[in-house]
Amino acid sequence: MSPRPLDKQSLLVRELQIMDAALDLVSKTDISLLTMDKVVAQVPYSKGTVYGHFSSKEDLLAGIANHSLRTMIVLFQRALEHDGSSRDRYMAMQFAYLLWSLLNPTLFRTCICAKSPAVWGKASAERMQEHEALEQKMLTVWHRIIDDGLTEGQFTLPAHMNKQQVAFSGWAGGYGTIMLLSDDIESCAGRNGLYLEREYFNSMNIYMDGLGWGPLSTEKDYRKVLHQILEDRFSDELNELRSRGRQLML
C-alpha cells in the first residue's frame, strides 16, 4: 500500500523544517557554502523528498525569501491596525521591521542574498510568481499608511517623488541603519556610542520630519508613543527578545 499523501498543512510544516535547516547552516557558515546535500543531511527526509519541495539551492533560497515576506507582512498588518495617527502607524510598521530583523537575524541576511540575479535565474517560476505576489501585498501595506497620511492632510508628496519613492526611501533608511549597526558588522569609529534602535528611531523621525509628516517630532513625544505601541501590539516579540537577553534601548 502506498503512503497516504500529506495534506497541505503537513507539507508546509515539512517545507519550513527544510528551510530552518538551511538557515541553521547559514548561521554557522557563509551562504555561498550552502548546498542541497548539506541541507538533506540535516533533515529526517530523503534527498528526493527535499528536492520535491525545492528544485535547487536557488529555489530553496527563494523559498526562504518568500517565507521572510510572509512573516514580515503579519507584523506589518498588525502595525496597520494600530488606532493612532498615520505617522504613529508608520512608526509602528518601521519598528515591526526592526523587531523582525532582531528576532530573525539569519533570515534577515539570507532573504536579501536570495534577491540576487544568480538566485532568481534558477528559482522555479512558481516560487518567483509567489514572491511577486507577496511583495505586492507588502507594498500595499506601506502604501496604505502613506495614503492615510495624504488623506488626513498630515503631509503632501514632494513635487519630485511619488508614493513608491517615498515608501522605498523609508524602507531603505531602515534597512541601512540595521545593516550598519548590526552586531555582525565590525565596530568602527563612525558607530562608536551608537545604539541600533536609538539611531533607527532618530533616522525615522528625521525622514518623516523632512517630509513634513505631522505632527512633527518637535510637537509630539514619539518615544512615549512608540513604547506604548510596542507594548500593545508587539508584547510577544518584546518578551521573546528579553528572553534572549536583548532589551530595546530607545
C-alpha atoms as a PDB file:
ATOM      1  CA  MET A   1       0.000   0.000   0.000  1.00  0.00           C
ATOM      2  CA  SER A   2       1.406   3.405  -0.973  1.00  0.00           C
ATOM      3  CA  PRO A   3       1.745   6.015   1.777  1.00  0.00           C
ATOM      4  CA  ARG A   4      -1.135   8.444   2.245  1.00  0.00           C
ATOM      5  CA  PRO A   5      -0.435  11.846   0.623  1.00  0.00           C
ATOM      6  CA  LEU A   6       0.272  14.592   3.131  1.00  0.00           C
ATOM      7  CA  ASP A   7      -2.251  17.390   3.500  1.00  0.00           C
ATOM      8  CA  LYS A   8      -1.326  20.979   2.670  1.00  0.00           C
ATOM      9  CA  GLN A   9      -0.571  21.932   6.285  1.00  0.00           C
ATOM     10  CA  SER A  10       1.735  18.933   6.782  1.00  0.00           C
ATOM     11  CA  LEU A  11       3.585  19.770   3.567  1.00  0.00           C
ATOM     12  CA  LEU A  12       4.043  23.343   4.763  1.00  0.00           C
ATOM     13  CA  VAL A  13       5.414  22.160   8.107  1.00  0.00           C
ATOM     14  CA  ARG A  14       7.910  19.935   6.308  1.00  0.00           C
ATOM     15  CA  GLU A  15       8.912  22.780   3.994  1.00  0.00           C
ATOM     16  CA  LEU A  16       9.509  25.029   6.992  1.00  0.00           C
ATOM     17  CA  GLN A  17      11.679  22.346   8.595  1.00  0.00           C
ATOM     18  CA  ILE A  18      13.824  22.202   5.472  1.00  0.00           C
ATOM     19  CA  MET A  19      14.165  25.986   5.358  1.00  0.00           C
ATOM     20  CA  ASP A  20      15.005  26.111   9.073  1.00  0.00           C
ATOM     21  CA  ALA A  21      17.755  23.554   8.493  1.00  0.00           C
ATOM     22  CA  ALA A  22      19.169  25.700   5.692  1.00  0.00           C
ATOM     23  CA  LEU A  23      19.051  28.816   7.867  1.00  0.00           C
ATOM     24  CA  ASP A  24      20.800  26.980  10.689  1.00  0.00           C
ATOM     25  CA  LEU A  25      23.603  26.062   8.282  1.00  0.00           C
ATOM     26  CA  VAL A  26      23.840  29.643   7.009  1.00  0.00           C
ATOM     27  CA  SER A  27      24.098  30.911  10.599  1.00  0.00           C
ATOM     28  CA  LYS A  28      27.260  28.842  11.045  1.00  0.00           C
ATOM     29  CA  THR A  29      28.991  29.449   7.721  1.00  0.00           C
ATOM     30  CA  ASP A  30      28.914  31.602   4.601  1.00  0.00           C
ATOM     31  CA  ILE A  31      25.795  31.376   2.469  1.00  0.00           C
ATOM     32  CA  SER A  32      27.941  30.592  -0.579  1.00  0.00           C
ATOM     33  CA  LEU A  33      28.892  27.274   1.058  1.00  0.00           C
ATOM     34  CA  LEU A  34      25.302  26.132   1.411  1.00  0.00           C
ATOM     35  CA  THR A  35      24.472  23.036  -0.657  1.00  0.00           C
ATOM     36  CA  MET A  36      21.426  20.857  -1.016  1.00  0.00           C
ATOM     37  CA  ASP A  37      23.407  17.835   0.180  1.00  0.00           C
ATOM     38  CA  LYS A  38      24.228  19.655   3.429  1.00  0.00           C
ATOM     39  CA  VAL A  39      20.577  20.505   3.917  1.00  0.00           C
ATOM     40  CA  VAL A  40      19.500  16.904   3.244  1.00  0.00           C
ATOM     41  CA  ALA A  41      21.974  15.740   5.895  1.00  0.00           C
ATOM     42  CA  GLN A  42      20.264  17.992   8.462  1.00  0.00           C
ATOM     43  CA  VAL A  43      16.664  16.833   7.994  1.00  0.00           C
ATOM     44  CA  PRO A  44      14.873  13.492   8.541  1.00  0.00           C
ATOM     45  CA  TYR A  45      13.817  13.321   4.889  1.00  0.00           C
ATOM     46  CA  SER A  46      15.248  11.693   1.808  1.00  0.00           C
ATOM     47  CA  LYS A  47      17.020  13.644  -0.914  1.00  0.00           C
ATOM     48  CA  GLY A  48      14.066  13.018  -3.196  1.00  0.00           C
ATOM     49  CA  THR A  49      11.660  14.448  -0.628  1.00  0.00           C
ATOM     50  CA  VAL A  50      13.748  17.592  -0.185  1.00  0.00           C
ATOM     51  CA  TYR A  51      14.012  18.069  -3.949  1.00  0.00           C
ATOM     52  CA  GLY A  52      10.264  17.526  -4.132  1.00  0.00           C
ATOM     53  CA  HIS A  53       9.919  20.774  -2.204  1.00  0.00           C
ATOM     54  CA  PHE A  54      12.834  22.717  -3.670  1.00  0.00           C
ATOM     55  CA  SER A  55      14.258  22.064  -7.114  1.00  0.00           C
ATOM     56  CA  SER A  56      17.679  23.572  -6.323  1.00  0.00           C
ATOM     57  CA  LYS A  57      19.655  25.559  -3.761  1.00  0.00           C
ATOM     58  CA  GLU A  58      18.496  28.707  -5.511  1.00  0.00           C
ATOM     59  CA  ASP A  59      14.867  27.606  -5.301  1.00  0.00           C
ATOM     60  CA  LEU A  60      15.381  26.941  -1.592  1.00  0.00           C
ATOM     61  CA  LEU A  61      16.828  30.442  -1.071  1.00  0.00           C
ATOM     62  CA  ALA A  62      13.897  31.907  -2.993  1.00  0.00           C
ATOM     63  CA  GLY A  63      11.569  29.936  -0.718  1.00  0.00           C
ATOM     64  CA  ILE A  64      13.345  31.453   2.283  1.00  0.00           C
ATOM     65  CA  ALA A  65      12.882  34.935   0.799  1.00  0.00           C
ATOM     66  CA  ASN A  66       9.156  34.223   0.395  1.00  0.00           C
ATOM     67  CA  HIS A  67       8.937  32.949   3.956  1.00  0.00           C
ATOM     68  CA  SER A  68      10.578  36.151   5.178  1.00  0.00           C
ATOM     69  CA  LEU A  69       7.983  38.250   3.361  1.00  0.00           C
ATOM     70  CA  ARG A  70       5.106  36.238   4.816  1.00  0.00           C
ATOM     71  CA  THR A  71       6.370  36.709   8.375  1.00  0.00           C
ATOM     72  CA  MET A  72       7.051  40.413   7.847  1.00  0.00           C
ATOM     73  CA  ILE A  73       3.598  41.030   6.387  1.00  0.00           C
ATOM     74  CA  VAL A  74       1.966  39.579   9.513  1.00  0.00           C
ATOM     75  CA  LEU A  75       3.787  42.135  11.677  1.00  0.00           C
ATOM     76  CA  PHE A  76       3.161  44.998   9.241  1.00  0.00           C
ATOM     77  CA  GLN A  77      -0.557  44.306   9.203  1.00  0.00           C
ATOM     78  CA  ARG A  78      -0.591  44.341  12.994  1.00  0.00           C
ATOM     79  CA  ALA A  79       1.072  47.759  12.913  1.00  0.00           C
ATOM     80  CA  LEU A  80      -1.503  48.952  10.391  1.00  0.00           C
ATOM     81  CA  GLU A  81      -4.294  48.092  12.855  1.00  0.00           C
ATOM     82  CA  HIS A  82      -2.934  50.495  15.473  1.00  0.00           C
ATOM     83  CA  ASP A  83      -5.507  53.136  16.407  1.00  0.00           C
ATOM     84  CA  GLY A  84      -3.470  56.295  16.033  1.00  0.00           C
ATOM     85  CA  SER A  85      -2.309  58.861  13.506  1.00  0.00           C
ATOM     86  CA  SER A  86      -0.837  57.799  10.186  1.00  0.00           C
ATOM     87  CA  ARG A  87       2.606  58.782  11.458  1.00  0.00           C
ATOM     88  CA  ASP A  88       2.097  56.629  14.552  1.00  0.00           C
ATOM     89  CA  ARG A  89       1.196  53.676  12.321  1.00  0.00           C
ATOM     90  CA  TYR A  90       4.158  54.293  10.048  1.00  0.00           C
ATOM     91  CA  MET A  91       6.452  54.344  13.070  1.00  0.00           C
ATOM     92  CA  ALA A  92       4.830  51.119  14.309  1.00  0.00           C
ATOM     93  CA  MET A  93       5.476  49.449  10.966  1.00  0.00           C
ATOM     94  CA  GLN A  94       9.102  50.561  10.855  1.00  0.00           C
ATOM     95  CA  PHE A  95       9.695  49.152  14.323  1.00  0.00           C
ATOM     96  CA  ALA A  96       7.868  45.963  13.369  1.00  0.00           C
ATOM     97  CA  TYR A  97      10.566  45.598  10.702  1.00  0.00           C
ATOM     98  CA  LEU A  98      13.295  46.239  13.271  1.00  0.00           C
ATOM     99  CA  LEU A  99      11.815  43.683  15.679  1.00  0.00           C
ATOM    100  CA  TRP A 100      11.591  41.145  12.867  1.00  0.00           C
ATOM    101  CA  SER A 101      15.264  41.671  11.983  1.00  0.00           C
ATOM    102  CA  LEU A 102      16.364  41.290  15.620  1.00  0.00           C
ATOM    103  CA  LEU A 103      14.336  38.124  16.124  1.00  0.00           C
ATOM    104  CA  ASN A 104      15.386  36.625  12.779  1.00  0.00           C
ATOM    105  CA  PRO A 105      18.973  37.812  12.113  1.00  0.00           C
ATOM    106  CA  THR A 106      19.904  34.925   9.803  1.00  0.00           C
ATOM    107  CA  LEU A 107      16.635  35.189   7.908  1.00  0.00           C
ATOM    108  CA  PHE A 108      17.189  38.956   7.581  1.00  0.00           C
ATOM    109  CA  ARG A 109      20.601  38.446   5.957  1.00  0.00           C
ATOM    110  CA  THR A 110      19.613  35.468   3.846  1.00  0.00           C
ATOM    111  CA  CYS A 111      16.477  36.937   2.301  1.00  0.00           C
ATOM    112  CA  ILE A 112      18.485  39.833   0.831  1.00  0.00           C
ATOM    113  CA  CYS A 113      21.078  37.460  -0.648  1.00  0.00           C
ATOM    114  CA  ALA A 114      18.221  35.468  -2.135  1.00  0.00           C
ATOM    115  CA  LYS A 115      17.279  38.510  -4.222  1.00  0.00           C
ATOM    116  CA  SER A 116      20.438  38.272  -6.318  1.00  0.00           C
ATOM    117  CA  PRO A 117      20.130  37.573 -10.086  1.00  0.00           C
ATOM    118  CA  ALA A 118      22.091  34.337  -9.608  1.00  0.00           C
ATOM    119  CA  VAL A 119      19.340  33.022  -7.343  1.00  0.00           C
ATOM    120  CA  TRP A 120      16.321  34.243  -9.240  1.00  0.00           C
ATOM    121  CA  GLY A 121      17.704  32.989 -12.534  1.00  0.00           C
ATOM    122  CA  LYS A 122      17.493  29.421 -11.215  1.00  0.00           C
ATOM    123  CA  ALA A 123      14.462  29.590  -8.915  1.00  0.00           C
ATOM    124  CA  SER A 124      11.246  27.948 -10.067  1.00  0.00           C
ATOM    125  CA  ALA A 125       8.678  30.037 -11.906  1.00  0.00           C
ATOM    126  CA  GLU A 126       6.110  29.170  -9.233  1.00  0.00           C
ATOM    127  CA  ARG A 127       8.399  30.474  -6.493  1.00  0.00           C
ATOM    128  CA  MET A 128       9.060  33.695  -8.395  1.00  0.00           C
ATOM    129  CA  GLN A 129       5.359  34.287  -9.007  1.00  0.00           C
ATOM    130  CA  GLU A 130       4.658  33.766  -5.327  1.00  0.00           C
ATOM    131  CA  HIS A 131       7.397  36.252  -4.482  1.00  0.00           C
ATOM    132  CA  GLU A 132       5.933  38.925  -6.740  1.00  0.00           C
ATOM    133  CA  ALA A 133       2.504  38.450  -5.141  1.00  0.00           C
ATOM    134  CA  LEU A 134       3.957  38.692  -1.635  1.00  0.00           C
ATOM    135  CA  GLU A 135       5.953  41.805  -2.489  1.00  0.00           C
ATOM    136  CA  GLN A 136       2.825  43.422  -3.862  1.00  0.00           C
ATOM    137  CA  LYS A 137       0.958  42.550  -0.674  1.00  0.00           C
ATOM    138  CA  MET A 138       3.731  44.063   1.441  1.00  0.00           C
ATOM    139  CA  LEU A 139       3.839  47.228  -0.666  1.00  0.00           C
ATOM    140  CA  THR A 140       0.089  47.573  -0.282  1.00  0.00           C
ATOM    141  CA  VAL A 141       0.538  47.889   3.480  1.00  0.00           C
ATOM    142  CA  TRP A 142       3.241  50.564   3.132  1.00  0.00           C
ATOM    143  CA  HIS A 143       1.208  52.475   0.542  1.00  0.00           C
ATOM    144  CA  ARG A 144      -1.899  52.252   2.710  1.00  0.00           C
ATOM    145  CA  ILE A 145      -0.209  54.196   5.503  1.00  0.00           C
ATOM    146  CA  ILE A 146       1.156  56.770   3.064  1.00  0.00           C
ATOM    147  CA  ASP A 147      -2.342  57.143   1.576  1.00  0.00           C
ATOM    148  CA  ASP A 148      -3.729  57.653   5.087  1.00  0.00           C
ATOM    149  CA  GLY A 149      -1.191  60.402   5.742  1.00  0.00           C
ATOM    150  CA  LEU A 150      -2.086  62.131   2.485  1.00  0.00           C
ATOM    151  CA  THR A 151      -5.833  61.778   3.083  1.00  0.00           C
ATOM    152  CA  GLU A 152      -5.512  63.130   6.635  1.00  0.00           C
ATOM    153  CA  GLY A 153      -3.552  66.075   5.282  1.00  0.00           C
ATOM    154  CA  GLN A 154      -0.610  65.215   7.539  1.00  0.00           C
ATOM    155  CA  PHE A 155       1.847  65.655   4.665  1.00  0.00           C
ATOM    156  CA  THR A 156       1.984  66.121   0.912  1.00  0.00           C
ATOM    157  CA  LEU A 157       4.108  64.285  -1.605  1.00  0.00           C
ATOM    158  CA  PRO A 158       7.250  66.177  -2.590  1.00  0.00           C
ATOM    159  CA  ALA A 159       6.967  67.513  -6.136  1.00  0.00           C
ATOM    160  CA  HIS A 160       9.752  65.212  -7.335  1.00  0.00           C
ATOM    161  CA  MET A 161       8.528  61.992  -5.664  1.00  0.00           C
ATOM    162  CA  ASN A 162       5.636  59.540  -5.917  1.00  0.00           C
ATOM    163  CA  LYS A 163       4.289  57.094  -3.292  1.00  0.00           C
ATOM    164  CA  GLN A 164       6.629  54.315  -4.359  1.00  0.00           C
ATOM    165  CA  GLN A 165       9.663  56.554  -3.939  1.00  0.00           C
ATOM    166  CA  VAL A 166       8.513  57.730  -0.516  1.00  0.00           C
ATOM    167  CA  ALA A 167       7.931  54.135   0.613  1.00  0.00           C
ATOM    168  CA  PHE A 168      11.271  52.990  -0.787  1.00  0.00           C
ATOM    169  CA  SER A 169      13.190  55.807   0.893  1.00  0.00           C
ATOM    170  CA  GLY A 170      11.726  54.918   4.265  1.00  0.00           C
ATOM    171  CA  TRP A 171      12.445  51.214   3.869  1.00  0.00           C
ATOM    172  CA  ALA A 172      15.980  51.826   2.569  1.00  0.00           C
ATOM    173  CA  GLY A 173      16.790  54.079   5.514  1.00  0.00           C
ATOM    174  CA  GLY A 174      15.595  51.462   7.972  1.00  0.00           C
ATOM    175  CA  TYR A 175      17.415  48.632   6.244  1.00  0.00           C
ATOM    176  CA  GLY A 176      20.642  50.626   6.023  1.00  0.00           C
ATOM    177  CA  THR A 177      20.560  51.537   9.708  1.00  0.00           C
ATOM    178  CA  ILE A 178      20.018  47.911  10.702  1.00  0.00           C
ATOM    179  CA  MET A 179      22.851  46.717   8.473  1.00  0.00           C
ATOM    180  CA  LEU A 180      25.371  49.362   9.551  1.00  0.00           C
ATOM    181  CA  LEU A 181      24.675  48.953  13.268  1.00  0.00           C
ATOM    182  CA  SER A 182      24.254  45.180  13.218  1.00  0.00           C
ATOM    183  CA  ASP A 183      26.272  43.112  15.671  1.00  0.00           C
ATOM    184  CA  ASP A 184      27.601  41.222  12.640  1.00  0.00           C
ATOM    185  CA  ILE A 185      29.436  44.320  11.381  1.00  0.00           C
ATOM    186  CA  GLU A 186      32.827  45.030  12.902  1.00  0.00           C
ATOM    187  CA  SER A 187      32.753  48.144  15.053  1.00  0.00           C
ATOM    188  CA  CYS A 188      34.417  51.295  13.723  1.00  0.00           C
ATOM    189  CA  ALA A 189      34.870  54.916  14.816  1.00  0.00           C
ATOM    190  CA  GLY A 190      31.801  56.004  12.876  1.00  0.00           C
ATOM    191  CA  ARG A 191      29.478  53.886  15.004  1.00  0.00           C
ATOM    192  CA  ASN A 192      31.113  54.208  18.416  1.00  0.00           C
ATOM    193  CA  GLY A 193      28.483  55.011  21.028  1.00  0.00           C
ATOM    194  CA  LEU A 194      25.600  54.385  18.647  1.00  0.00           C
ATOM    195  CA  TYR A 195      22.764  52.014  19.532  1.00  0.00           C
ATOM    196  CA  LEU A 196      20.728  50.426  16.774  1.00  0.00           C
ATOM    197  CA  GLU A 197      17.206  51.134  17.991  1.00  0.00           C
ATOM    198  CA  ARG A 198      18.005  54.669  19.156  1.00  0.00           C
ATOM    199  CA  GLU A 199      19.567  55.634  15.830  1.00  0.00           C
ATOM    200  CA  TYR A 200      16.781  53.807  13.984  1.00  0.00           C
ATOM    201  CA  PHE A 201      14.271  55.952  15.880  1.00  0.00           C
ATOM    202  CA  ASN A 202      16.266  59.128  15.164  1.00  0.00           C
ATOM    203  CA  SER A 203      16.658  58.311  11.474  1.00  0.00           C
ATOM    204  CA  MET A 204      12.941  57.607  11.131  1.00  0.00           C
ATOM    205  CA  ASN A 205      11.998  60.945  12.698  1.00  0.00           C
ATOM    206  CA  ILE A 206      14.475  62.882  10.547  1.00  0.00           C
ATOM    207  CA  TYR A 207      12.967  61.227   7.471  1.00  0.00           C
ATOM    208  CA  MET A 208       9.354  61.949   8.468  1.00  0.00           C
ATOM    209  CA  ASP A 209      10.080  65.491   9.642  1.00  0.00           C
ATOM    210  CA  GLY A 210      11.795  66.044   6.290  1.00  0.00           C
ATOM    211  CA  LEU A 211       8.577  65.067   4.550  1.00  0.00           C
ATOM    212  CA  GLY A 212       6.674  67.414   6.840  1.00  0.00           C
ATOM    213  CA  TRP A 213       4.632  64.448   8.070  1.00  0.00           C
ATOM    214  CA  GLY A 214       2.883  65.805  11.113  1.00  0.00           C
ATOM    215  CA  PRO A 215       2.672  66.034  13.944  1.00  0.00           C
ATOM    216  CA  LEU A 216       6.422  66.728  13.798  1.00  0.00           C
ATOM    217  CA  SER A 217       8.814  65.262  16.356  1.00  0.00           C
ATOM    218  CA  THR A 218       9.045  68.701  17.970  1.00  0.00           C
ATOM    219  CA  GLU A 219       5.304  68.622  18.572  1.00  0.00           C
ATOM    220  CA  LYS A 220       4.793  65.149  19.988  1.00  0.00           C
ATOM    221  CA  ASP A 221       6.652  62.744  22.282  1.00  0.00           C
ATOM    222  CA  TYR A 222       7.061  59.894  19.825  1.00  0.00           C
ATOM    223  CA  ARG A 223       9.328  57.958  22.158  1.00  0.00           C
ATOM    224  CA  LYS A 224       6.441  57.659  24.607  1.00  0.00           C
ATOM    225  CA  VAL A 225       4.026  56.797  21.788  1.00  0.00           C
ATOM    226  CA  LEU A 226       6.367  54.133  20.453  1.00  0.00           C
ATOM    227  CA  HIS A 227       6.802  52.492  23.855  1.00  0.00           C
ATOM    228  CA  GLN A 228       3.013  52.221  24.137  1.00  0.00           C
ATOM    229  CA  ILE A 229       2.613  50.830  20.610  1.00  0.00           C
ATOM    230  CA  LEU A 230       5.282  48.202  21.162  1.00  0.00           C
ATOM    231  CA  GLU A 231       3.762  47.035  24.436  1.00  0.00           C
ATOM    232  CA  ASP A 232       0.227  46.993  22.987  1.00  0.00           C
ATOM    233  CA  ARG A 233       0.945  45.436  19.591  1.00  0.00           C
ATOM    234  CA  PHE A 234       4.224  43.554  19.908  1.00  0.00           C
ATOM    235  CA  SER A 235       4.419  42.357  23.510  1.00  0.00           C
ATOM    236  CA  ASP A 236       5.125  38.756  22.454  1.00  0.00           C
ATOM    237  CA  GLU A 237       8.037  39.850  20.274  1.00  0.00           C
ATOM    238  CA  LEU A 238       9.424  42.082  23.037  1.00  0.00           C
ATOM    239  CA  ASN A 239       9.187  39.235  25.529  1.00  0.00           C
ATOM    240  CA  GLU A 240      10.973  36.918  23.121  1.00  0.00           C
ATOM    241  CA  LEU A 241      13.771  39.463  22.741  1.00  0.00           C
ATOM    242  CA  ARG A 242      14.036  39.807  26.514  1.00  0.00           C
ATOM    243  CA  SER A 243      14.226  36.032  26.891  1.00  0.00           C
ATOM    244  CA  ARG A 244      17.282  36.201  24.622  1.00  0.00           C
ATOM    245  CA  GLY A 245      18.873  38.853  26.834  1.00  0.00           C
ATOM    246  CA  ARG A 246      18.091  41.734  24.445  1.00  0.00           C
ATOM    247  CA  GLN A 247      16.314  44.844  25.685  1.00  0.00           C
ATOM    248  CA  LEU A 248      15.309  47.644  23.296  1.00  0.00           C
ATOM    249  CA  MET A 249      17.129  50.880  24.150  1.00  0.00           C
ATOM    250  CA  LEU A 250      15.232  53.965  22.964  1.00  0.00           C
END
